[in-house]
């Protein structure tokens, strides 16, 4: 058995896309285009508008916040919600109170195989 940590303070601060209060800590990477990371969004944070370079699944594990696509309204999300963005979809996320999410992204996965659509 091996035990690992993924503390927020050990993650990478994201300042691209006019982001603030956003930290990501990679969790798993593969030789094929696929990775899983833990995103920490502080109070009054935003991960600015950017293009999904591949399919992305944003799984809220703690707190609450919002997501939106370019030209769309902010949609509230909280623990137990998973948001999927297709390749090329411009999107952003943020939180007024703080939110943690696991992000899985890669070329070959389909969340609809296991998750119920809201």
PDB file of N, CA and C in Angstrom:
ATOM      1  N   UNK A   1       0.853  -1.178   0.000  1.00  0.00           N
ATOM      2  CA  UNK A   1       0.000   0.000   0.000  1.00  0.00           C
ATOM      3  C   UNK A   1       0.893   1.233   0.000  1.00  0.00           C
ATOM      4  N   UNK A   2       0.448   2.240  -0.739  1.00  0.00           N
ATOM      5  CA  UNK A   2       1.124   3.536  -0.739  1.00  0.00           C
ATOM      6  C   UNK A   2       0.070   4.608  -0.487  1.00  0.00           C
ATOM      7  N   UNK A   3       0.398   5.569   0.337  1.00  0.00           N
ATOM      8  CA  UNK A   3      -0.528   6.652   0.657  1.00  0.00           C
ATOM      9  C   UNK A   3       0.064   7.946   0.132  1.00  0.00           C
ATOM     10  N   UNK A   4      -0.759   8.707  -0.581  1.00  0.00           N
ATOM     11  CA  UNK A   4      -0.317   9.956  -1.191  1.00  0.00           C
ATOM     12  C   UNK A   4      -1.113  11.121  -0.617  1.00  0.00           C
ATOM     13  N   UNK A   5      -0.603  12.318  -0.767  1.00  0.00           N
ATOM     14  CA  UNK A   5      -1.322  13.526  -0.361  1.00  0.00           C
ATOM     15  C   UNK A   5      -1.536  14.413  -1.585  1.00  0.00           C
ATOM     16  N   UNK A   6      -2.566  15.242  -1.528  1.00  0.00           N
ATOM     17  CA  UNK A   6      -2.802  16.233  -2.580  1.00  0.00           C
ATOM     18  C   UNK A   6      -3.324  17.526  -1.950  1.00  0.00           C
ATOM     19  N   UNK A   7      -2.515  18.089  -1.074  1.00  0.00           N
ATOM     20  CA  UNK A   7      -2.890  19.301  -0.360  1.00  0.00           C
ATOM     21  C   UNK A   7      -2.901  20.504  -1.293  1.00  0.00           C
ATOM     22  N   UNK A   8      -3.813  21.408  -1.026  1.00  0.00           N
ATOM     23  CA  UNK A   8      -3.952  22.605  -1.843  1.00  0.00           C
ATOM     24  C   UNK A   8      -2.642  23.378  -1.939  1.00  0.00           C
ATOM     25  N   UNK A   9      -1.933  23.512  -0.836  1.00  0.00           N
ATOM     26  CA  UNK A   9      -0.701  24.307  -0.834  1.00  0.00           C
ATOM     27  C   UNK A   9       0.402  23.699  -1.699  1.00  0.00           C
ATOM     28  N   UNK A  10       0.271  22.435  -2.076  1.00  0.00           N
ATOM     29  CA  UNK A  10       1.267  21.793  -2.936  1.00  0.00           C
ATOM     30  C   UNK A  10       0.884  21.841  -4.414  1.00  0.00           C
ATOM     31  N   UNK A  11      -0.269  22.392  -4.722  1.00  0.00           N
ATOM     32  CA  UNK A  11      -0.749  22.458  -6.100  1.00  0.00           C
ATOM     33  C   UNK A  11      -0.158  23.625  -6.870  1.00  0.00           C
ATOM     34  N   UNK A  12      -0.611  23.771  -8.099  1.00  0.00           N
ATOM     35  CA  UNK A  12      -0.137  24.820  -8.999  1.00  0.00           C
ATOM     36  C   UNK A  12      -1.191  25.923  -9.084  1.00  0.00           C
ATOM     37  N   UNK A  13      -0.781  27.147  -8.782  1.00  0.00           N
ATOM     38  CA  UNK A  13      -1.677  28.295  -8.886  1.00  0.00           C
ATOM     39  C   UNK A  13      -1.954  28.564 -10.364  1.00  0.00           C
ATOM     40  N   UNK A  14      -3.216  28.776 -10.690  1.00  0.00           N
ATOM     41  CA  UNK A  14      -3.600  29.094 -12.065  1.00  0.00           C
ATOM     42  C   UNK A  14      -3.868  30.585 -12.154  1.00  0.00           C
ATOM     43  N   UNK A  15      -3.084  31.262 -13.002  1.00  0.00           N
ATOM     44  CA  UNK A  15      -3.297  32.691 -13.187  1.00  0.00           C
ATOM     45  C   UNK A  15      -3.602  33.049 -14.643  1.00  0.00           C
ATOM     46  N   UNK A  16      -3.628  32.049 -15.529  1.00  0.00           N
ATOM     47  CA  UNK A  16      -4.008  32.286 -16.924  1.00  0.00           C
ATOM     48  C   UNK A  16      -5.509  32.541 -17.009  1.00  0.00           C
ATOM     49  N   UNK A  17      -5.941  33.110 -18.099  1.00  0.00           N
ATOM     50  CA  UNK A  17      -7.360  33.348 -18.389  1.00  0.00           C
ATOM     51  C   UNK A  17      -7.991  34.312 -17.378  1.00  0.00           C
ATOM     52  N   UNK A  18      -7.216  35.207 -16.802  1.00  0.00           N
ATOM     53  CA  UNK A  18      -7.694  36.157 -15.789  1.00  0.00           C
ATOM     54  C   UNK A  18      -8.285  35.428 -14.584  1.00  0.00           C
ATOM     55  N   UNK A  19      -7.702  34.293 -14.239  1.00  0.00           N
ATOM     56  CA  UNK A  19      -8.161  33.504 -13.098  1.00  0.00           C
ATOM     57  C   UNK A  19      -7.641  34.101 -11.802  1.00  0.00           C
ATOM     58  N   UNK A  20      -8.358  33.857 -10.710  1.00  0.00           N
ATOM     59  CA  UNK A  20      -7.875  34.245  -9.383  1.00  0.00           C
ATOM     60  C   UNK A  20      -8.405  33.252  -8.369  1.00  0.00           C
ATOM     61  N   UNK A  21      -7.577  32.929  -7.390  1.00  0.00           N
ATOM     62  CA  UNK A  21      -7.989  32.013  -6.329  1.00  0.00           C
ATOM     63  C   UNK A  21      -8.183  30.585  -6.795  1.00  0.00           C
ATOM     64  N   UNK A  22      -7.487  30.166  -7.873  1.00  0.00           N
ATOM     65  CA  UNK A  22      -7.650  28.819  -8.424  1.00  0.00           C
ATOM     66  C   UNK A  22      -6.332  28.056  -8.341  1.00  0.00           C
ATOM     67  N   UNK A  23      -6.382  26.837  -7.804  1.00  0.00           N
ATOM     68  CA  UNK A  23      -5.202  25.975  -7.670  1.00  0.00           C
ATOM     69  C   UNK A  23      -5.578  24.585  -8.169  1.00  0.00           C
ATOM     70  N   UNK A  24      -4.691  23.962  -8.966  1.00  0.00           N
ATOM     71  CA  UNK A  24      -4.922  22.585  -9.394  1.00  0.00           C
ATOM     72  C   UNK A  24      -3.761  21.718  -8.934  1.00  0.00           C
ATOM     73  N   UNK A  25      -4.098  20.524  -8.487  1.00  0.00           N
ATOM     74  CA  UNK A  25      -3.087  19.555  -8.076  1.00  0.00           C
ATOM     75  C   UNK A  25      -3.287  18.305  -8.925  1.00  0.00           C
ATOM     76  N   UNK A  26      -2.373  18.014  -9.875  1.00  0.00           N
ATOM     77  CA  UNK A  26      -2.523  16.799 -10.676  1.00  0.00           C
ATOM     78  C   UNK A  26      -2.585  15.564  -9.776  1.00  0.00           C
ATOM     79  N   UNK A  27      -3.456  14.612 -10.146  1.00  0.00           N
ATOM     80  CA  UNK A  27      -3.599  13.378  -9.380  1.00  0.00           C
ATOM     81  C   UNK A  27      -3.121  12.166 -10.162  1.00  0.00           C
ATOM     82  N   UNK A  28      -3.534  12.048 -11.419  1.00  0.00           N
ATOM     83  CA  UNK A  28      -3.180  10.894 -12.241  1.00  0.00           C
ATOM     84  C   UNK A  28      -2.948  11.367 -13.670  1.00  0.00           C
ATOM     85  N   UNK A  29      -1.902  10.855 -14.291  1.00  0.00           N
ATOM     86  CA  UNK A  29      -1.666  11.089 -15.715  1.00  0.00           C
ATOM     87  C   UNK A  29      -1.382   9.746 -16.359  1.00  0.00           C
ATOM     88  N   UNK A  30      -1.584   9.687 -17.663  1.00  0.00           N
ATOM     89  CA  UNK A  30      -1.411   8.455 -18.413  1.00  0.00           C
ATOM     90  C   UNK A  30      -0.546   8.725 -19.632  1.00  0.00           C
ATOM     91  N   UNK A  31      -0.004   7.671 -20.227  1.00  0.00           N
ATOM     92  CA  UNK A  31       0.739   7.838 -21.472  1.00  0.00           C
ATOM     93  C   UNK A  31      -0.191   8.271 -22.596  1.00  0.00           C
ATOM     94  N   UNK A  32      -1.444   7.848 -22.533  1.00  0.00           N
ATOM     95  CA  UNK A  32      -2.442   8.328 -23.481  1.00  0.00           C
ATOM     96  C   UNK A  32      -2.949   9.667 -22.966  1.00  0.00           C
ATOM     97  N   UNK A  33      -3.544  10.475 -23.840  1.00  0.00           N
ATOM     98  CA  UNK A  33      -4.035  11.781 -23.383  1.00  0.00           C
ATOM     99  C   UNK A  33      -5.163  11.636 -22.357  1.00  0.00           C
ATOM    100  N   UNK A  34      -4.815  11.606 -21.082  1.00  0.00           N
ATOM    101  CA  UNK A  34      -5.793  11.517 -20.004  1.00  0.00           C
ATOM    102  C   UNK A  34      -5.129  11.939 -18.703  1.00  0.00           C
ATOM    103  N   UNK A  35      -5.827  12.705 -17.894  1.00  0.00           N
ATOM    104  CA  UNK A  35      -5.318  13.055 -16.567  1.00  0.00           C
ATOM    105  C   UNK A  35      -6.475  13.378 -15.641  1.00  0.00           C
ATOM    106  N   UNK A  36      -6.197  13.286 -14.351  1.00  0.00           N
ATOM    107  CA  UNK A  36      -7.156  13.643 -13.313  1.00  0.00           C
ATOM    108  C   UNK A  36      -6.449  14.603 -12.367  1.00  0.00           C
ATOM    109  N   UNK A  37      -7.135  15.686 -12.004  1.00  0.00           N
ATOM    110  CA  UNK A  37      -6.564  16.659 -11.083  1.00  0.00           C
ATOM    111  C   UNK A  37      -7.605  17.116 -10.079  1.00  0.00           C
ATOM    112  N   UNK A  38      -7.144  17.733  -9.011  1.00  0.00           N
ATOM    113  CA  UNK A  38      -8.031  18.293  -7.995  1.00  0.00           C
ATOM    114  C   UNK A  38      -7.945  19.812  -8.082  1.00  0.00           C
ATOM    115  N   UNK A  39      -9.069  20.467  -8.339  1.00  0.00           N
ATOM    116  CA  UNK A  39      -9.138  21.919  -8.480  1.00  0.00           C
ATOM    117  C   UNK A  39      -9.668  22.522  -7.188  1.00  0.00           C
ATOM    118  N   UNK A  40      -8.943  23.488  -6.668  1.00  0.00           N
ATOM    119  CA  UNK A  40      -9.374  24.223  -5.481  1.00  0.00           C
ATOM    120  C   UNK A  40      -9.738  25.635  -5.909  1.00  0.00           C
ATOM    121  N   UNK A  41     -10.964  26.044  -5.671  1.00  0.00           N
ATOM    122  CA  UNK A  41     -11.398  27.403  -5.953  1.00  0.00           C
ATOM    123  C   UNK A  41     -11.693  28.075  -4.615  1.00  0.00           C
ATOM    124  N   UNK A  42     -10.924  29.101  -4.298  1.00  0.00           N
ATOM    125  CA  UNK A  42     -11.078  29.823  -3.042  1.00  0.00           C
ATOM    126  C   UNK A  42     -12.349  30.673  -3.047  1.00  0.00           C
ATOM    127  N   UNK A  43     -12.626  31.341  -1.930  1.00  0.00           N
ATOM    128  CA  UNK A  43     -13.717  32.311  -1.873  1.00  0.00           C
ATOM    129  C   UNK A  43     -13.456  33.394  -2.916  1.00  0.00           C
ATOM    130  N   UNK A  44     -14.518  33.849  -3.568  1.00  0.00           N
ATOM    131  CA  UNK A  44     -14.442  34.905  -4.582  1.00  0.00           C
ATOM    132  C   UNK A  44     -13.444  34.579  -5.687  1.00  0.00           C
ATOM    133  N   UNK A  45     -13.466  33.339  -6.156  1.00  0.00           N
ATOM    134  CA  UNK A  45     -12.514  32.878  -7.171  1.00  0.00           C
ATOM    135  C   UNK A  45     -13.179  32.762  -8.536  1.00  0.00           C
ATOM    136  N   UNK A  46     -12.336  32.713  -9.563  1.00  0.00           N
ATOM    137  CA  UNK A  46     -12.800  32.434 -10.915  1.00  0.00           C
ATOM    138  C   UNK A  46     -11.681  31.742 -11.677  1.00  0.00           C
ATOM    139  N   UNK A  47     -12.019  30.679 -12.371  1.00  0.00           N
ATOM    140  CA  UNK A  47     -11.124  30.054 -13.340  1.00  0.00           C
ATOM    141  C   UNK A  47     -11.641  30.561 -14.675  1.00  0.00           C
ATOM    142  N   UNK A  48     -10.936  31.532 -15.248  1.00  0.00           N
ATOM    143  CA  UNK A  48     -11.427  32.315 -16.375  1.00  0.00           C
ATOM    144  C   UNK A  48     -11.805  31.515 -17.612  1.00  0.00           C
ATOM    145  N   UNK A  49     -12.514  32.188 -18.500  1.00  0.00           N
ATOM    146  CA  UNK A  49     -13.013  31.589 -19.737  1.00  0.00           C
ATOM    147  C   UNK A  49     -11.858  31.001 -20.539  1.00  0.00           C
ATOM    148  N   UNK A  50     -11.978  29.722 -20.890  1.00  0.00           N
ATOM    149  CA  UNK A  50     -10.955  29.046 -21.682  1.00  0.00           C
ATOM    150  C   UNK A  50     -11.588  27.885 -22.442  1.00  0.00           C
ATOM    151  N   UNK A  51     -10.891  27.441 -23.464  1.00  0.00           N
ATOM    152  CA  UNK A  51     -11.389  26.372 -24.324  1.00  0.00           C
ATOM    153  C   UNK A  51     -11.019  25.007 -23.760  1.00  0.00           C
ATOM    154  N   UNK A  52     -11.954  24.086 -23.796  1.00  0.00           N
ATOM    155  CA  UNK A  52     -11.660  22.697 -23.432  1.00  0.00           C
ATOM    156  C   UNK A  52     -10.863  22.083 -24.579  1.00  0.00           C
ATOM    157  N   UNK A  53      -9.636  21.686 -24.300  1.00  0.00           N
ATOM    158  CA  UNK A  53      -8.771  21.122 -25.332  1.00  0.00           C
ATOM    159  C   UNK A  53      -9.103  19.657 -25.614  1.00  0.00           C
ATOM    160  N   UNK A  54      -9.901  19.056 -24.735  1.00  0.00           N
ATOM    161  CA  UNK A  54     -10.366  17.680 -24.882  1.00  0.00           C
ATOM    162  C   UNK A  54     -11.601  17.552 -23.993  1.00  0.00           C
ATOM    163  N   UNK A  55     -12.332  16.446 -24.045  1.00  0.00           N
ATOM    164  CA  UNK A  55     -13.477  16.275 -23.151  1.00  0.00           C
ATOM    165  C   UNK A  55     -13.050  16.411 -21.677  1.00  0.00           C
ATOM    166  N   UNK A  56     -13.850  17.151 -20.894  1.00  0.00           N
ATOM    167  CA  UNK A  56     -13.529  17.392 -19.483  1.00  0.00           C
ATOM    168  C   UNK A  56     -14.752  17.118 -18.617  1.00  0.00           C
ATOM    169  N   UNK A  57     -14.522  16.453 -17.492  1.00  0.00           N
ATOM    170  CA  UNK A  57     -15.567  16.213 -16.503  1.00  0.00           C
ATOM    171  C   UNK A  57     -15.150  16.899 -15.204  1.00  0.00           C
ATOM    172  N   UNK A  58     -15.972  17.832 -14.725  1.00  0.00           N
ATOM    173  CA  UNK A  58     -15.721  18.659 -13.547  1.00  0.00           C
ATOM    174  C   UNK A  58     -16.646  18.142 -12.450  1.00  0.00           C
ATOM    175  N   UNK A  59     -16.093  17.452 -11.444  1.00  0.00           N
ATOM    176  CA  UNK A  59     -16.874  16.759 -10.420  1.00  0.00           C
ATOM    177  C   UNK A  59     -16.744  17.516  -9.100  1.00  0.00           C
ATOM    178  N   UNK A  60     -17.809  18.175  -8.667  1.00  0.00           N
ATOM    179  CA  UNK A  60     -17.767  18.964  -7.433  1.00  0.00           C
ATOM    180  C   UNK A  60     -17.797  18.017  -6.238  1.00  0.00           C
ATOM    181  N   UNK A  61     -16.769  18.115  -5.387  1.00  0.00           N
ATOM    182  CA  UNK A  61     -16.666  17.238  -4.220  1.00  0.00           C
ATOM    183  C   UNK A  61     -16.895  17.964  -2.900  1.00  0.00           C
ATOM    184  N   UNK A  62     -16.809  19.298  -2.918  1.00  0.00           N
ATOM    185  CA  UNK A  62     -17.004  20.064  -1.687  1.00  0.00           C
ATOM    186  C   UNK A  62     -17.344  21.505  -2.049  1.00  0.00           C
ATOM    187  N   UNK A  63     -18.163  22.131  -1.222  1.00  0.00           N
ATOM    188  CA  UNK A  63     -18.504  23.529  -1.428  1.00  0.00           C
ATOM    189  C   UNK A  63     -19.514  23.722  -2.543  1.00  0.00           C
ATOM    190  N   UNK A  64     -19.576  24.964  -3.022  1.00  0.00           N
ATOM    191  CA  UNK A  64     -20.505  25.292  -4.097  1.00  0.00           C
ATOM    192  C   UNK A  64     -19.935  26.429  -4.924  1.00  0.00           C
ATOM    193  N   UNK A  65     -20.488  26.583  -6.101  1.00  0.00           N
ATOM    194  CA  UNK A  65     -20.029  27.635  -6.996  1.00  0.00           C
ATOM    195  C   UNK A  65     -20.906  27.693  -8.226  1.00  0.00           C
ATOM    196  N   UNK A  66     -20.292  27.998  -9.351  1.00  0.00           N
ATOM    197  CA  UNK A  66     -21.031  28.138 -10.599  1.00  0.00           C
ATOM    198  C   UNK A  66     -20.148  27.742 -11.777  1.00  0.00           C
ATOM    199  N   UNK A  67     -20.807  27.424 -12.889  1.00  0.00           N
ATOM    200  CA  UNK A  67     -20.134  27.153 -14.158  1.00  0.00           C
ATOM    201  C   UNK A  67     -20.923  27.873 -15.244  1.00  0.00           C
ATOM    202  N   UNK A  68     -20.257  28.144 -16.355  1.00  0.00           N
ATOM    203  CA  UNK A  68     -20.979  28.697 -17.493  1.00  0.00           C
ATOM    204  C   UNK A  68     -20.184  28.476 -18.762  1.00  0.00           C
ATOM    205  N   UNK A  69     -20.896  28.463 -19.880  1.00  0.00           N
ATOM    206  CA  UNK A  69     -20.243  28.418 -21.177  1.00  0.00           C
ATOM    207  C   UNK A  69     -20.274  29.824 -21.754  1.00  0.00           C
ATOM    208  N   UNK A  70     -19.443  30.057 -22.737  1.00  0.00           N
ATOM    209  CA  UNK A  70     -19.362  31.384 -23.345  1.00  0.00           C
ATOM    210  C   UNK A  70     -20.736  31.820 -23.849  1.00  0.00           C
ATOM    211  N   UNK A  71     -21.153  33.012 -23.434  1.00  0.00           N
ATOM    212  CA  UNK A  71     -22.449  33.544 -23.836  1.00  0.00           C
ATOM    213  C   UNK A  71     -23.609  33.047 -22.995  1.00  0.00           C
ATOM    214  N   UNK A  72     -23.336  32.153 -22.042  1.00  0.00           N
ATOM    215  CA  UNK A  72     -24.395  31.584 -21.215  1.00  0.00           C
ATOM    216  C   UNK A  72     -24.455  32.206 -19.832  1.00  0.00           C
ATOM    217  N   UNK A  73     -25.493  31.854 -19.110  1.00  0.00           N
ATOM    218  CA  UNK A  73     -25.681  32.309 -17.733  1.00  0.00           C
ATOM    219  C   UNK A  73     -24.894  31.416 -16.776  1.00  0.00           C
ATOM    220  N   UNK A  74     -24.570  31.942 -15.606  1.00  0.00           N
ATOM    221  CA  UNK A  74     -23.941  31.134 -14.564  1.00  0.00           C
ATOM    222  C   UNK A  74     -24.955  30.117 -14.048  1.00  0.00           C
ATOM    223  N   UNK A  75     -24.517  28.864 -13.947  1.00  0.00           N
ATOM    224  CA  UNK A  75     -25.369  27.786 -13.449  1.00  0.00           C
ATOM    225  C   UNK A  75     -24.807  27.323 -12.107  1.00  0.00           C
ATOM    226  N   UNK A  76     -25.605  27.364 -11.033  1.00  0.00           N
ATOM    227  CA  UNK A  76     -25.115  26.935  -9.718  1.00  0.00           C
ATOM    228  C   UNK A  76     -24.779  25.442  -9.709  1.00  0.00           C
ATOM    229  N   UNK A  77     -23.682  25.100  -9.035  1.00  0.00           N
ATOM    230  CA  UNK A  77     -23.280  23.702  -8.844  1.00  0.00           C
ATOM    231  C   UNK A  77     -22.837  23.518  -7.402  1.00  0.00           C
ATOM    232  N   UNK A  78     -22.987  22.301  -6.895  1.00  0.00           N
ATOM    233  CA  UNK A  78     -22.510  21.997  -5.550  1.00  0.00           C
ATOM    234  C   UNK A  78     -22.135  20.522  -5.479  1.00  0.00           C
ATOM    235  N   UNK A  79     -21.724  20.095  -4.290  1.00  0.00           N
ATOM    236  CA  UNK A  79     -21.293  18.715  -4.069  1.00  0.00           C
ATOM    237  C   UNK A  79     -22.313  17.739  -4.641  1.00  0.00           C
ATOM    238  N   UNK A  80     -21.826  16.776  -5.409  1.00  0.00           N
ATOM    239  CA  UNK A  80     -22.703  15.800  -6.030  1.00  0.00           C
ATOM    240  C   UNK A  80     -23.044  16.119  -7.476  1.00  0.00           C
ATOM    241  N   UNK A  81     -22.576  17.265  -7.977  1.00  0.00           N
ATOM    242  CA  UNK A  81     -22.822  17.673  -9.360  1.00  0.00           C
ATOM    243  C   UNK A  81     -21.579  17.417 -10.196  1.00  0.00           C
ATOM    244  N   UNK A  82     -21.786  16.917 -11.410  1.00  0.00           N
ATOM    245  CA  UNK A  82     -20.689  16.739 -12.365  1.00  0.00           C
ATOM    246  C   UNK A  82     -21.058  17.466 -13.656  1.00  0.00           C
ATOM    247  N   UNK A  83     -20.128  18.241 -14.186  1.00  0.00           N
ATOM    248  CA  UNK A  83     -20.346  19.031 -15.398  1.00  0.00           C
ATOM    249  C   UNK A  83     -19.406  18.512 -16.478  1.00  0.00           C
ATOM    250  N   UNK A  84     -19.927  18.305 -17.690  1.00  0.00           N
ATOM    251  CA  UNK A  84     -19.122  17.797 -18.799  1.00  0.00           C
ATOM    252  C   UNK A  84     -19.028  18.851 -19.891  1.00  0.00           C
ATOM    253  N   UNK A  85     -17.794  19.114 -20.346  1.00  0.00           N
ATOM    254  CA  UNK A  85     -17.569  20.017 -21.469  1.00  0.00           C
ATOM    255  C   UNK A  85     -16.931  19.240 -22.604  1.00  0.00           C
ATOM    256  N   UNK A  86     -17.448  19.436 -23.814  1.00  0.00           N
ATOM    257  CA  UNK A  86     -16.877  18.809 -25.001  1.00  0.00           C
ATOM    258  C   UNK A  86     -15.654  19.578 -25.483  1.00  0.00           C
ATOM    259  N   UNK A  87     -14.833  18.932 -26.278  1.00  0.00           N
ATOM    260  CA  UNK A  87     -13.680  19.570 -26.906  1.00  0.00           C
ATOM    261  C   UNK A  87     -14.138  20.832 -27.636  1.00  0.00           C
ATOM    262  N   UNK A  88     -13.406  21.925 -27.429  1.00  0.00           N
ATOM    263  CA  UNK A  88     -13.696  23.183 -28.104  1.00  0.00           C
ATOM    264  C   UNK A  88     -14.687  24.076 -27.395  1.00  0.00           C
ATOM    265  N   UNK A  89     -15.329  23.585 -26.343  1.00  0.00           N
ATOM    266  CA  UNK A  89     -16.330  24.374 -25.630  1.00  0.00           C
ATOM    267  C   UNK A  89     -15.636  25.367 -24.698  1.00  0.00           C
ATOM    268  N   UNK A  90     -15.908  26.659 -24.883  1.00  0.00           N
ATOM    269  CA  UNK A  90     -15.365  27.690 -24.003  1.00  0.00           C
ATOM    270  C   UNK A  90     -16.200  27.728 -22.730  1.00  0.00           C
ATOM    271  N   UNK A  91     -15.521  27.750 -21.586  1.00  0.00           N
ATOM    272  CA  UNK A  91     -16.224  27.673 -20.308  1.00  0.00           C
ATOM    273  C   UNK A  91     -15.402  28.324 -19.204  1.00  0.00           C
ATOM    274  N   UNK A  92     -16.062  28.609 -18.093  1.00  0.00           N
ATOM    275  CA  UNK A  92     -15.382  29.093 -16.892  1.00  0.00           C
ATOM    276  C   UNK A  92     -16.156  28.629 -15.672  1.00  0.00           C
ATOM    277  N   UNK A  93     -15.505  28.726 -14.521  1.00  0.00           N
ATOM    278  CA  UNK A  93     -16.132  28.327 -13.264  1.00  0.00           C
ATOM    279  C   UNK A  93     -15.635  29.245 -12.161  1.00  0.00           C
ATOM    280  N   UNK A  94     -16.364  29.275 -11.062  1.00  0.00           N
ATOM    281  CA  UNK A  94     -15.955  30.112  -9.946  1.00  0.00           C
ATOM    282  C   UNK A  94     -16.782  29.820  -8.710  1.00  0.00           C
ATOM    283  N   UNK A  95     -16.436  30.529  -7.634  1.00  0.00           N
ATOM    284  CA  UNK A  95     -17.144  30.324  -6.374  1.00  0.00           C
ATOM    285  C   UNK A  95     -17.072  31.578  -5.518  1.00  0.00           C
ATOM    286  N   UNK A  96     -18.169  31.893  -4.853  1.00  0.00           N
ATOM    287  CA  UNK A  96     -18.190  32.988  -3.885  1.00  0.00           C
ATOM    288  C   UNK A  96     -17.772  32.502  -2.506  1.00  0.00           C
ATOM    289  N   UNK A  97     -17.951  31.205  -2.238  1.00  0.00           N
ATOM    290  CA  UNK A  97     -17.721  30.670  -0.895  1.00  0.00           C
ATOM    291  C   UNK A  97     -16.632  29.608  -0.822  1.00  0.00           C
ATOM    292  N   UNK A  98     -16.121  29.154  -1.967  1.00  0.00           N
ATOM    293  CA  UNK A  98     -15.111  28.106  -2.024  1.00  0.00           C
ATOM    294  C   UNK A  98     -15.695  26.800  -2.544  1.00  0.00           C
ATOM    295  N   UNK A  99     -14.917  26.116  -3.387  1.00  0.00           N
ATOM    296  CA  UNK A  99     -15.387  24.874  -3.992  1.00  0.00           C
ATOM    297  C   UNK A  99     -14.173  24.030  -4.360  1.00  0.00           C
ATOM    298  N   UNK A 100     -14.317  22.716  -4.221  1.00  0.00           N
ATOM    299  CA  UNK A 100     -13.291  21.763  -4.636  1.00  0.00           C
ATOM    300  C   UNK A 100     -13.914  20.825  -5.661  1.00  0.00           C
ATOM    301  N   UNK A 101     -13.150  20.534  -6.721  1.00  0.00           N
ATOM    302  CA  UNK A 101     -13.660  19.652  -7.775  1.00  0.00           C
ATOM    303  C   UNK A 101     -12.542  18.760  -8.293  1.00  0.00           C
ATOM    304  N   UNK A 102     -12.892  17.550  -8.650  1.00  0.00           N
ATOM    305  CA  UNK A 102     -11.983  16.653  -9.358  1.00  0.00           C
ATOM    306  C   UNK A 102     -12.243  16.870 -10.847  1.00  0.00           C
ATOM    307  N   UNK A 103     -11.176  17.053 -11.616  1.00  0.00           N
ATOM    308  CA  UNK A 103     -11.308  17.248 -13.058  1.00  0.00           C
ATOM    309  C   UNK A 103     -10.648  16.077 -13.767  1.00  0.00           C
ATOM    310  N   UNK A 104     -11.437  15.379 -14.575  1.00  0.00           N
ATOM    311  CA  UNK A 104     -10.922  14.295 -15.413  1.00  0.00           C
ATOM    312  C   UNK A 104     -10.998  14.782 -16.850  1.00  0.00           C
ATOM    313  N   UNK A 105      -9.891  14.656 -17.569  1.00  0.00           N
ATOM    314  CA  UNK A 105      -9.898  15.099 -18.958  1.00  0.00           C
ATOM    315  C   UNK A 105      -9.062  14.172 -19.815  1.00  0.00           C
ATOM    316  N   UNK A 106      -9.572  13.897 -20.995  1.00  0.00           N
ATOM    317  CA  UNK A 106      -8.876  13.011 -21.903  1.00  0.00           C
ATOM    318  C   UNK A 106      -9.694  12.761 -23.148  1.00  0.00           C
ATOM    319  N   UNK A 107      -9.077  12.103 -24.098  1.00  0.00           N
ATOM    320  CA  UNK A 107      -9.707  11.903 -25.399  1.00  0.00           C
ATOM    321  C   UNK A 107     -10.781  10.828 -25.409  1.00  0.00           C
ATOM    322  N   UNK A 108     -10.647   9.812 -24.593  1.00  0.00           N
ATOM    323  CA  UNK A 108     -11.533   8.662 -24.740  1.00  0.00           C
ATOM    324  C   UNK A 108     -12.249   8.299 -23.442  1.00  0.00           C
ATOM    325  N   UNK A 109     -13.224   9.091 -23.068  1.00  0.00           N
ATOM    326  CA  UNK A 109     -14.085   8.673 -21.969  1.00  0.00           C
ATOM    327  C   UNK A 109     -15.465   9.290 -22.140  1.00  0.00           C
ATOM    328  N   UNK A 110     -16.470   8.625 -21.602  1.00  0.00           N
ATOM    329  CA  UNK A 110     -17.854   9.024 -21.777  1.00  0.00           C
ATOM    330  C   UNK A 110     -18.573   8.921 -20.440  1.00  0.00           C
ATOM    331  N   UNK A 111     -18.800  10.056 -19.754  1.00  0.00           N
ATOM    332  CA  UNK A 111     -19.440  10.002 -18.438  1.00  0.00           C
ATOM    333  C   UNK A 111     -20.875   9.492 -18.483  1.00  0.00           C
ATOM    334  N   UNK A 112     -21.539   9.573 -19.640  1.00  0.00           N
ATOM    335  CA  UNK A 112     -22.927   9.123 -19.728  1.00  0.00           C
ATOM    336  C   UNK A 112     -23.063   7.610 -19.566  1.00  0.00           C
ATOM    337  N   UNK A 113     -21.954   6.883 -19.628  1.00  0.00           N
ATOM    338  CA  UNK A 113     -22.005   5.434 -19.397  1.00  0.00           C
ATOM    339  C   UNK A 113     -22.365   5.114 -17.947  1.00  0.00           C
ATOM    340  N   UNK A 114     -22.027   6.026 -17.023  1.00  0.00           N
ATOM    341  CA  UNK A 114     -22.207   5.733 -15.600  1.00  0.00           C
ATOM    342  C   UNK A 114     -23.000   6.783 -14.834  1.00  0.00           C
ATOM    343  N   UNK A 115     -23.092   8.011 -15.343  1.00  0.00           N
ATOM    344  CA  UNK A 115     -23.737   9.098 -14.615  1.00  0.00           C
ATOM    345  C   UNK A 115     -25.109   9.407 -15.197  1.00  0.00           C
ATOM    346  N   UNK A 116     -26.045   9.796 -14.338  1.00  0.00           N
ATOM    347  CA  UNK A 116     -27.377  10.204 -14.776  1.00  0.00           C
ATOM    348  C   UNK A 116     -27.354  11.676 -15.155  1.00  0.00           C
ATOM    349  N   UNK A 117     -27.978  12.024 -16.280  1.00  0.00           N
ATOM    350  CA  UNK A 117     -28.090  13.424 -16.681  1.00  0.00           C
ATOM    351  C   UNK A 117     -29.082  14.137 -15.784  1.00  0.00           C
ATOM    352  N   UNK A 118     -28.798  15.374 -15.450  1.00  0.00           N
ATOM    353  CA  UNK A 118     -29.672  16.169 -14.592  1.00  0.00           C
ATOM    354  C   UNK A 118     -30.733  16.836 -15.437  1.00  0.00           C
TER     355      UNK A 118
END
